[in-house]
Structures are given as C-alpha cells and as structure tokens.
Amino acid sequence: MQSEVFESELEQASELFSSGYYAAAAVIAGVVLETTLRELCMRQDIPSASLERMNAELVKAAAYNTLTQKQITAFAVVRNSAAHGKNEEFSRQDVERMIKGVADFLASNL
C-alpha cells in the first residue's frame, strides 16, 4: 500500500518534470525519498531523525551500502536546493536522475 502511494507521488514528480517544473519535481521526489527512509528506519527500530542521520543509521544497520548512501545524499542536496529556490545549484539532468534514482531505490528497498 505504502509503495503504491510513493509510486503515485513519483508519477506526479515525473509529470511536473515533463512540464518543465523541475524544482517542484525535485521537492516531491525528495519527500518520497525521506518518507521511504523513515519507513526503513521504522522497520529497523531506528529512531526517525534528519534525512542525513537516517541515511547514516540505515547504512550502519546494513539496510544498504555506502554507494547507495552517497546517492541518497546527492538526491537530498538537489531536493534542498530546489526547496530553497536555489535553482542554479542543480540542473534538469540532476532532477531527472533523482526521480529515476528514487524510483530504483523504492523498487530495491520497499
């Protein structure tokens, strides 16, 4: 059920992206990513915290590897820049990679 909601939100991000709303797409994909991390933390009995902290704790718990951790960190940077209107800090391609990367992360981890 939860994964269906996430997939719907990612579809919304893809539609926004296709319409040229890259920042909005990045923010929505970022929400899906952070919510997914919270879900994974709950499954591992890890307290909910900042995205960065949850990401680090999930690696310590062997939920995924350090390469995935670095990818999540990169996606979080795009999301934060988009959420704060710093569009010069990311590109259209960054958002495209982020949406695909979040979708792949969901497929692998939920």
C-alpha atoms as a PDB file:
ATOM      1  CA  MET A   1       0.000   0.000   0.000  1.00  0.00           C
ATOM      2  CA  GLN A   2       2.683   2.490   1.033  1.00  0.00           C
ATOM      3  CA  SER A   3       4.712   1.738  -2.094  1.00  0.00           C
ATOM      4  CA  GLU A   4       1.647   2.485  -4.249  1.00  0.00           C
ATOM      5  CA  VAL A   5       1.352   5.936  -2.662  1.00  0.00           C
ATOM      6  CA  PHE A   6       5.042   6.549  -3.304  1.00  0.00           C
ATOM      7  CA  GLU A   7       4.725   5.420  -6.913  1.00  0.00           C
ATOM      8  CA  SER A   8       1.793   7.805  -7.382  1.00  0.00           C
ATOM      9  CA  GLU A   9       3.813  10.678  -5.938  1.00  0.00           C
ATOM     10  CA  LEU A  10       6.756   9.815  -8.177  1.00  0.00           C
ATOM     11  CA  GLU A  11       4.413   9.821 -11.176  1.00  0.00           C
ATOM     12  CA  GLN A  12       3.340  13.303 -10.091  1.00  0.00           C
ATOM     13  CA  ALA A  13       7.015  14.336  -9.915  1.00  0.00           C
ATOM     14  CA  SER A  14       7.564  12.923 -13.413  1.00  0.00           C
ATOM     15  CA  GLU A  15       4.586  14.864 -14.770  1.00  0.00           C
ATOM     16  CA  LEU A  16       5.868  18.084 -13.228  1.00  0.00           C
ATOM     17  CA  PHE A  17       9.308  17.374 -14.648  1.00  0.00           C
ATOM     18  CA  SER A  18       7.848  16.762 -18.115  1.00  0.00           C
ATOM     19  CA  SER A  19       6.025  20.085 -17.882  1.00  0.00           C
ATOM     20  CA  GLY A  20       9.230  21.943 -17.037  1.00  0.00           C
ATOM     21  CA  TYR A  21       8.641  22.324 -13.293  1.00  0.00           C
ATOM     22  CA  TYR A  22      11.984  20.863 -12.275  1.00  0.00           C
ATOM     23  CA  ALA A  23      12.164  22.355  -8.785  1.00  0.00           C
ATOM     24  CA  ALA A  24       8.680  21.140  -7.847  1.00  0.00           C
ATOM     25  CA  ALA A  25       9.503  17.699  -9.225  1.00  0.00           C
ATOM     26  CA  ALA A  26      12.684  17.577  -7.125  1.00  0.00           C
ATOM     27  CA  VAL A  27      10.831  18.575  -3.971  1.00  0.00           C
ATOM     28  CA  ILE A  28       8.179  15.879  -4.436  1.00  0.00           C
ATOM     29  CA  ALA A  29      10.778  13.213  -5.222  1.00  0.00           C
ATOM     30  CA  GLY A  30      12.652  14.336  -2.109  1.00  0.00           C
ATOM     31  CA  VAL A  31       9.551  13.912   0.036  1.00  0.00           C
ATOM     32  CA  VAL A  32       9.146  10.374  -1.298  1.00  0.00           C
ATOM     33  CA  LEU A  33      12.804   9.657  -0.528  1.00  0.00           C
ATOM     34  CA  GLU A  34      12.648  10.988   3.023  1.00  0.00           C
ATOM     35  CA  THR A  35       9.389   9.183   3.750  1.00  0.00           C
ATOM     36  CA  THR A  36      10.908   5.958   2.434  1.00  0.00           C
ATOM     37  CA  LEU A  37      13.894   6.385   4.743  1.00  0.00           C
ATOM     38  CA  ARG A  38      11.507   6.901   7.683  1.00  0.00           C
ATOM     39  CA  GLU A  39       9.711   3.676   6.741  1.00  0.00           C
ATOM     40  CA  LEU A  40      13.001   1.765   6.533  1.00  0.00           C
ATOM     41  CA  CYS A  41      14.078   3.180   9.892  1.00  0.00           C
ATOM     42  CA  MET A  42      10.809   2.082  11.462  1.00  0.00           C
ATOM     43  CA  ARG A  43      11.407  -1.455  10.155  1.00  0.00           C
ATOM     44  CA  GLN A  44      14.912  -1.432  11.666  1.00  0.00           C
ATOM     45  CA  ASP A  45      13.843   0.137  15.007  1.00  0.00           C
ATOM     46  CA  ILE A  46      15.918   3.214  14.212  1.00  0.00           C
ATOM     47  CA  PRO A  47      14.527   6.499  15.542  1.00  0.00           C
ATOM     48  CA  SER A  48      13.243   8.940  12.948  1.00  0.00           C
ATOM     49  CA  ALA A  49      15.622  11.876  12.500  1.00  0.00           C
ATOM     50  CA  SER A  50      17.010  14.121   9.787  1.00  0.00           C
ATOM     51  CA  LEU A  51      17.435  12.591   6.350  1.00  0.00           C
ATOM     52  CA  GLU A  52      21.211  12.661   6.750  1.00  0.00           C
ATOM     53  CA  ARG A  53      21.110  10.902  10.108  1.00  0.00           C
ATOM     54  CA  MET A  54      18.597   8.271   8.981  1.00  0.00           C
ATOM     55  CA  ASN A  55      20.740   7.638   5.904  1.00  0.00           C
ATOM     56  CA  ALA A  56      23.831   7.069   8.065  1.00  0.00           C
ATOM     57  CA  GLU A  57      21.979   4.869  10.546  1.00  0.00           C
ATOM     58  CA  LEU A  58      20.499   2.708   7.791  1.00  0.00           C
ATOM     59  CA  VAL A  59      23.986   2.072   6.392  1.00  0.00           C
ATOM     60  CA  LYS A  60      25.197   1.118   9.888  1.00  0.00           C
ATOM     61  CA  ALA A  61      22.260  -1.302  10.112  1.00  0.00           C
ATOM     62  CA  ALA A  62      23.287  -2.792   6.731  1.00  0.00           C
ATOM     63  CA  ALA A  63      19.968  -1.835   5.124  1.00  0.00           C
ATOM     64  CA  TYR A  64      22.020  -0.726   2.109  1.00  0.00           C
ATOM     65  CA  ASN A  65      25.622   0.074   1.198  1.00  0.00           C
ATOM     66  CA  THR A  66      27.701   3.264   1.246  1.00  0.00           C
ATOM     67  CA  LEU A  67      27.310   3.813  -2.506  1.00  0.00           C
ATOM     68  CA  THR A  68      23.546   3.998  -2.025  1.00  0.00           C
ATOM     69  CA  GLN A  69      24.121   6.304   0.947  1.00  0.00           C
ATOM     70  CA  LYS A  70      26.112   8.695  -1.249  1.00  0.00           C
ATOM     71  CA  GLN A  71      23.426   8.644  -3.929  1.00  0.00           C
ATOM     72  CA  ILE A  72      20.774   9.478  -1.331  1.00  0.00           C
ATOM     73  CA  THR A  73      22.937  12.322  -0.045  1.00  0.00           C
ATOM     74  CA  ALA A  74      23.225  13.705  -3.586  1.00  0.00           C
ATOM     75  CA  PHE A  75      19.449  13.489  -4.077  1.00  0.00           C
ATOM     76  CA  ALA A  76      18.936  15.300  -0.768  1.00  0.00           C
ATOM     77  CA  VAL A  77      21.187  18.147  -1.941  1.00  0.00           C
ATOM     78  CA  VAL A  78      19.073  18.556  -5.087  1.00  0.00           C
ATOM     79  CA  ARG A  79      15.875  18.484  -3.029  1.00  0.00           C
ATOM     80  CA  ASN A  80      17.166  21.053  -0.535  1.00  0.00           C
ATOM     81  CA  SER A  81      18.357  23.398  -3.275  1.00  0.00           C
ATOM     82  CA  ALA A  82      15.001  23.121  -5.041  1.00  0.00           C
ATOM     83  CA  ALA A  83      13.040  23.673  -1.839  1.00  0.00           C
ATOM     84  CA  HIS A  84      15.015  26.849  -1.108  1.00  0.00           C
ATOM     85  CA  GLY A  85      14.702  28.280  -4.610  1.00  0.00           C
ATOM     86  CA  LYS A  86      18.380  27.781  -5.439  1.00  0.00           C
ATOM     87  CA  ASN A  87      17.727  26.544  -8.958  1.00  0.00           C
ATOM     88  CA  GLU A  88      21.225  27.476 -10.091  1.00  0.00           C
ATOM     89  CA  GLU A  89      22.603  24.722  -7.833  1.00  0.00           C
ATOM     90  CA  PHE A  90      21.110  21.849  -9.858  1.00  0.00           C
ATOM     91  CA  SER A  91      20.313  21.008 -13.449  1.00  0.00           C
ATOM     92  CA  ARG A  92      17.418  19.462 -15.307  1.00  0.00           C
ATOM     93  CA  GLN A  93      19.525  16.307 -15.633  1.00  0.00           C
ATOM     94  CA  ASP A  94      20.105  16.221 -11.859  1.00  0.00           C
ATOM     95  CA  VAL A  95      16.343  16.169 -11.273  1.00  0.00           C
ATOM     96  CA  GLU A  96      15.838  13.540 -13.959  1.00  0.00           C
ATOM     97  CA  ARG A  97      18.491  11.315 -12.333  1.00  0.00           C
ATOM     98  CA  MET A  98      16.949  11.955  -8.940  1.00  0.00           C
ATOM     99  CA  ILE A  99      13.452  10.849  -9.963  1.00  0.00           C
ATOM    100  CA  LYS A 100      14.810   7.690 -11.578  1.00  0.00           C
ATOM    101  CA  GLY A 101      17.141   7.051  -8.651  1.00  0.00           C
ATOM    102  CA  VAL A 102      14.377   7.414  -6.078  1.00  0.00           C
ATOM    103  CA  ALA A 103      12.181   5.052  -8.122  1.00  0.00           C
ATOM    104  CA  ASP A 104      15.011   2.496  -8.276  1.00  0.00           C
ATOM    105  CA  PHE A 105      15.634   2.900  -4.525  1.00  0.00           C
ATOM    106  CA  LEU A 106      11.961   2.241  -3.816  1.00  0.00           C
ATOM    107  CA  ALA A 107      11.955  -0.832  -6.035  1.00  0.00           C
ATOM    108  CA  SER A 108      15.000  -2.228  -4.251  1.00  0.00           C
ATOM    109  CA  ASN A 109      14.060  -1.399  -0.666  1.00  0.00           C
ATOM    110  CA  LEU A 110      10.281  -1.485  -0.166  1.00  0.00           C
END
